[in-house]
PDB file of N, CA and C in Angstrom:
ATOM      1  N   MET A   1      23.360  80.418  28.325  1.00  0.00           N
ATOM      2  CA  MET A   1      24.346  79.379  28.083  1.00  0.00           C
ATOM      3  C   MET A   1      24.935  79.551  26.686  1.00  0.00           C
ATOM      4  N   ASN A   2      25.980  78.770  26.425  1.00  0.00           N
ATOM      5  CA  ASN A   2      26.614  78.805  25.104  1.00  0.00           C
ATOM      6  C   ASN A   2      25.786  78.004  24.110  1.00  0.00           C
ATOM      7  N   ASP A   3      25.529  78.622  22.967  1.00  0.00           N
ATOM      8  CA  ASP A   3      24.826  77.898  21.905  1.00  0.00           C
ATOM      9  C   ASP A   3      25.835  77.080  21.114  1.00  0.00           C
ATOM     10  N   ASP A   4      25.504  75.833  20.817  1.00  0.00           N
ATOM     11  CA  ASP A   4      26.386  74.974  20.044  1.00  0.00           C
ATOM     12  C   ASP A   4      26.402  75.425  18.583  1.00  0.00           C
ATOM     13  N   LEU A   5      27.573  75.321  17.970  1.00  0.00           N
ATOM     14  CA  LEU A   5      27.709  75.635  16.548  1.00  0.00           C
ATOM     15  C   LEU A   5      27.277  74.427  15.729  1.00  0.00           C
ATOM     16  N   PRO A   6      26.687  74.670  14.578  1.00  0.00           N
ATOM     17  CA  PRO A   6      26.328  73.543  13.708  1.00  0.00           C
ATOM     18  C   PRO A   6      27.586  72.824  13.208  1.00  0.00           C
ATOM     19  N   ASP A   7      27.442  71.536  12.905  1.00  0.00           N
ATOM     20  CA  ASP A   7      28.582  70.736  12.440  1.00  0.00           C
ATOM     21  C   ASP A   7      29.193  71.317  11.168  1.00  0.00           C
ATOM     22  N   ARG A   8      28.363  71.801  10.285  1.00  0.00           N
ATOM     23  CA  ARG A   8      28.865  72.359   9.031  1.00  0.00           C
ATOM     24  C   ARG A   8      29.773  73.570   9.290  1.00  0.00           C
ATOM     25  N   THR A   9      29.414  74.400  10.232  1.00  0.00           N
ATOM     26  CA  THR A   9      30.220  75.578  10.560  1.00  0.00           C
ATOM     27  C   THR A   9      31.569  75.161  11.138  1.00  0.00           C
ATOM     28  N   VAL A  10      31.572  74.172  12.004  1.00  0.00           N
ATOM     29  CA  VAL A  10      32.828  73.701  12.605  1.00  0.00           C
ATOM     30  C   VAL A  10      33.734  73.112  11.537  1.00  0.00           C
ATOM     31  N   LEU A  11      33.173  72.326  10.624  1.00  0.00           N
ATOM     32  CA  LEU A  11      33.975  71.755   9.552  1.00  0.00           C
ATOM     33  C   LEU A  11      34.538  72.828   8.626  1.00  0.00           C
ATOM     34  N   LEU A  12      33.764  73.843   8.340  1.00  0.00           N
ATOM     35  CA  LEU A  12      34.258  74.947   7.508  1.00  0.00           C
ATOM     36  C   LEU A  12      35.376  75.713   8.201  1.00  0.00           C
ATOM     37  N   ILE A  13      35.264  75.898   9.499  1.00  0.00           N
ATOM     38  CA  ILE A  13      36.318  76.581  10.254  1.00  0.00           C
ATOM     39  C   ILE A  13      37.601  75.759  10.234  1.00  0.00           C
ATOM     40  N   ILE A  14      37.496  74.446  10.419  1.00  0.00           N
ATOM     41  CA  ILE A  14      38.680  73.579  10.389  1.00  0.00           C
ATOM     42  C   ILE A  14      39.306  73.582   9.001  1.00  0.00           C
ATOM     43  N   LEU A  15      38.496  73.477   7.972  1.00  0.00           N
ATOM     44  CA  LEU A  15      39.002  73.492   6.601  1.00  0.00           C
ATOM     45  C   LEU A  15      39.688  74.820   6.267  1.00  0.00           C
ATOM     46  N   ALA A  16      39.091  75.919   6.683  1.00  0.00           N
ATOM     47  CA  ALA A  16      39.694  77.234   6.435  1.00  0.00           C
ATOM     48  C   ALA A  16      41.022  77.379   7.175  1.00  0.00           C
ATOM     49  N   THR A  17      41.096  76.841   8.386  1.00  0.00           N
ATOM     50  CA  THR A  17      42.337  76.914   9.152  1.00  0.00           C
ATOM     51  C   THR A  17      43.438  76.095   8.483  1.00  0.00           C
ATOM     52  N   LEU A  18      43.105  74.896   8.033  1.00  0.00           N
ATOM     53  CA  LEU A  18      44.096  74.073   7.336  1.00  0.00           C
ATOM     54  C   LEU A  18      44.554  74.727   6.044  1.00  0.00           C
ATOM     55  N   LEU A  19      43.639  75.299   5.311  1.00  0.00           N
ATOM     56  CA  LEU A  19      43.985  75.988   4.075  1.00  0.00           C
ATOM     57  C   LEU A  19      44.917  77.173   4.349  1.00  0.00           C
ATOM     58  N   LEU A  20      44.634  77.913   5.393  1.00  0.00           N
ATOM     59  CA  LEU A  20      45.488  79.041   5.769  1.00  0.00           C
ATOM     60  C   LEU A  20      46.888  78.574   6.156  1.00  0.00           C
ATOM     61  N   VAL A  21      46.975  77.511   6.927  1.00  0.00           N
ATOM     62  CA  VAL A  21      48.282  77.001   7.368  1.00  0.00           C
ATOM     63  C   VAL A  21      49.100  76.529   6.174  1.00  0.00           C
ATOM     64  N   PHE A  22      48.506  75.737   5.269  1.00  0.00           N
ATOM     65  CA  PHE A  22      49.245  75.265   4.104  1.00  0.00           C
ATOM     66  C   PHE A  22      49.633  76.414   3.178  1.00  0.00           C
ATOM     67  N   THR A  23      48.773  77.402   3.056  1.00  0.00           N
ATOM     68  CA  THR A  23      49.113  78.555   2.230  1.00  0.00           C
ATOM     69  C   THR A  23      50.316  79.293   2.801  1.00  0.00           C
ATOM     70  N   LEU A  24      50.349  79.481   4.108  1.00  0.00           N
ATOM     71  CA  LEU A  24      51.489  80.149   4.727  1.00  0.00           C
ATOM     72  C   LEU A  24      52.765  79.328   4.595  1.00  0.00           C
ATOM     73  N   ILE A  25      52.666  78.021   4.776  1.00  0.00           N
ATOM     74  CA  ILE A  25      53.853  77.171   4.690  1.00  0.00           C
ATOM     75  C   ILE A  25      54.456  77.220   3.293  1.00  0.00           C
ATOM     76  N   PHE A  26      53.629  77.050   2.264  1.00  0.00           N
ATOM     77  CA  PHE A  26      54.158  76.983   0.908  1.00  0.00           C
ATOM     78  C   PHE A  26      54.494  78.350   0.325  1.00  0.00           C
ATOM     79  N   SER A  27      53.961  79.410   0.873  1.00  0.00           N
ATOM     80  CA  SER A  27      54.318  80.733   0.357  1.00  0.00           C
ATOM     81  C   SER A  27      55.588  81.265   1.015  1.00  0.00           C
ATOM     82  N   LEU A  28      55.939  80.782   2.188  1.00  0.00           N
ATOM     83  CA  LEU A  28      57.112  81.300   2.889  1.00  0.00           C
ATOM     84  C   LEU A  28      58.354  80.431   2.746  1.00  0.00           C
ATOM     85  N   ARG A  29      58.234  79.262   2.136  1.00  0.00           N
ATOM     86  CA  ARG A  29      59.416  78.415   1.982  1.00  0.00           C
ATOM     87  C   ARG A  29      60.264  78.935   0.835  1.00  0.00           C
ATOM     88  N   PRO A  30      61.586  78.733   0.894  1.00  0.00           N
ATOM     89  CA  PRO A  30      62.462  79.259  -0.163  1.00  0.00           C
ATOM     90  C   PRO A  30      62.268  78.510  -1.472  1.00  0.00           C
ATOM     91  N   ALA A  31      62.604  79.163  -2.553  1.00  0.00           N
ATOM     92  CA  ALA A  31      62.481  78.551  -3.868  1.00  0.00           C
ATOM     93  C   ALA A  31      63.513  77.438  -4.024  1.00  0.00           C
ATOM     94  N   GLN A  32      63.216  76.468  -4.873  1.00  0.00           N
ATOM     95  CA  GLN A  32      64.121  75.339  -5.076  1.00  0.00           C
ATOM     96  C   GLN A  32      65.442  75.789  -5.704  1.00  0.00           C
ATOM     97  N   LYS A  33      65.438  76.873  -6.446  1.00  0.00           N
ATOM     98  CA  LYS A  33      66.657  77.350  -7.099  1.00  0.00           C
ATOM     99  C   LYS A  33      67.682  77.835  -6.079  1.00  0.00           C
ATOM    100  N   ASN A  34      67.224  78.316  -4.944  1.00  0.00           N
ATOM    101  CA  ASN A  34      68.127  78.869  -3.944  1.00  0.00           C
ATOM    102  C   ASN A  34      68.725  77.816  -3.024  1.00  0.00           C
ATOM    103  N   LEU A  35      68.202  76.601  -3.043  1.00  0.00           N
ATOM    104  CA  LEU A  35      68.682  75.564  -2.147  1.00  0.00           C
ATOM    105  C   LEU A  35      69.956  74.941  -2.680  1.00  0.00           C
ATOM    106  N   GLN A  36      70.912  74.703  -1.784  1.00  0.00           N
ATOM    107  CA  GLN A  36      72.148  74.027  -2.144  1.00  0.00           C
ATOM    108  C   GLN A  36      71.930  72.523  -2.040  1.00  0.00           C
ATOM    109  N   PRO A  37      72.560  71.737  -2.893  1.00  0.00           N
ATOM    110  CA  PRO A  37      72.412  70.284  -2.771  1.00  0.00           C
ATOM    111  C   PRO A  37      73.041  69.794  -1.466  1.00  0.00           C
ATOM    112  N   ALA A  38      72.350  68.894  -0.795  1.00  0.00           N
ATOM    113  CA  ALA A  38      72.830  68.397   0.484  1.00  0.00           C
ATOM    114  C   ALA A  38      73.981  67.415   0.298  1.00  0.00           C
ATOM    115  N   ILE A  39      73.974  66.660  -0.789  1.00  0.00           N
ATOM    116  CA  ILE A  39      75.007  65.655  -1.031  1.00  0.00           C
ATOM    117  C   ILE A  39      75.703  65.987  -2.347  1.00  0.00           C
ATOM    118  N   GLN A  40      77.018  66.004  -2.303  1.00  0.00           N
ATOM    119  CA  GLN A  40      77.782  66.201  -3.521  1.00  0.00           C
ATOM    120  C   GLN A  40      78.417  64.863  -3.866  1.00  0.00           C
ATOM    121  N   TRP A  41      77.967  64.283  -4.963  1.00  0.00           N
ATOM    122  CA  TRP A  41      78.428  62.955  -5.340  1.00  0.00           C
ATOM    123  C   TRP A  41      79.814  63.027  -5.947  1.00  0.00           C
ATOM    124  N   LYS A  42      80.596  62.025  -5.632  1.00  0.00           N
ATOM    125  CA  LYS A  42      81.948  61.931  -6.163  1.00  0.00           C
ATOM    126  C   LYS A  42      81.887  61.193  -7.495  1.00  0.00           C
ATOM    127  N   ASP A  43      82.585  61.708  -8.483  1.00  0.00           N
ATOM    128  CA  ASP A  43      82.592  61.081  -9.794  1.00  0.00           C
ATOM    129  C   ASP A  43      83.514  59.866  -9.754  1.00  0.00           C
ATOM    130  N   THR A  44      82.951  58.678  -9.894  1.00  0.00           N
ATOM    131  CA  THR A  44      83.739  57.449  -9.794  1.00  0.00           C
ATOM    132  C   THR A  44      84.211  56.952 -11.152  1.00  0.00           C
ATOM    133  N   THR A  45      83.811  57.581 -12.246  1.00  0.00           N
ATOM    134  CA  THR A  45      84.214  57.098 -13.569  1.00  0.00           C
ATOM    135  C   THR A  45      85.706  57.304 -13.791  1.00  0.00           C
ATOM    136  N   GLN A  46      86.290  58.354 -13.265  1.00  0.00           N
ATOM    137  CA  GLN A  46      87.725  58.586 -13.428  1.00  0.00           C
ATOM    138  C   GLN A  46      88.527  57.546 -12.658  1.00  0.00           C
ATOM    139  N   ASN A  47      88.065  57.173 -11.476  1.00  0.00           N
ATOM    140  CA  ASN A  47      88.783  56.189 -10.678  1.00  0.00           C
ATOM    141  C   ASN A  47      88.737  54.813 -11.324  1.00  0.00           C
ATOM    142  N   THR A  48      87.624  54.405 -11.837  1.00  0.00           N
ATOM    143  CA  THR A  48      87.507  53.066 -12.419  1.00  0.00           C
ATOM    144  C   THR A  48      88.300  52.968 -13.716  1.00  0.00           C
ATOM    145  N   THR A  49      88.368  53.998 -14.529  1.00  0.00           N
ATOM    146  CA  THR A  49      89.133  53.933 -15.778  1.00  0.00           C
ATOM    147  C   THR A  49      90.619  53.918 -15.475  1.00  0.00           C
ATOM    148  N   SER A  50      91.065  54.648 -14.485  1.00  0.00           N
ATOM    149  CA  SER A  50      92.499  54.624 -14.159  1.00  0.00           C
ATOM    150  C   SER A  50      92.900  53.288 -13.561  1.00  0.00           C
ATOM    151  N   GLU A  51      92.022  52.643 -12.814  1.00  0.00           N
ATOM    152  CA  GLU A  51      92.315  51.340 -12.251  1.00  0.00           C
ATOM    153  C   GLU A  51      92.396  50.285 -13.353  1.00  0.00           C
ATOM    154  N   VAL A  52      91.539  50.395 -14.352  1.00  0.00           N
ATOM    155  CA  VAL A  52      91.548  49.435 -15.459  1.00  0.00           C
ATOM    156  C   VAL A  52      92.824  49.580 -16.260  1.00  0.00           C
ATOM    157  N   LEU A  53      93.290  50.791 -16.472  1.00  0.00           N
ATOM    158  CA  LEU A  53      94.503  51.012 -17.249  1.00  0.00           C
ATOM    159  C   LEU A  53      95.745  50.507 -16.518  1.00  0.00           C
ATOM    160  N   GLN A  54      95.736  50.497 -15.206  1.00  0.00           N
ATOM    161  CA  GLN A  54      96.904  50.055 -14.446  1.00  0.00           C
ATOM    162  C   GLN A  54      97.008  48.537 -14.424  1.00  0.00           C
ATOM    163  N   ILE A  55      95.935  47.839 -14.638  1.00  0.00           N
ATOM    164  CA  ILE A  55      95.957  46.360 -14.548  1.00  0.00           C
ATOM    165  C   ILE A  55      96.528  45.753 -15.773  1.00  0.00           C
TER     166      ILE A  55
END
């Protein structure tokens, strides 16, 4: 029959698997310098100053 693994061995296997997955995820993601900003904010200071001058 199949011999059961000790609890400590199972926990070590799970921990090693999680460590491997996180290592792969963070090593393969692109650097922050290469990412483009998702939102480009519009500068509203020019609009508010021109509106104040017209009033």
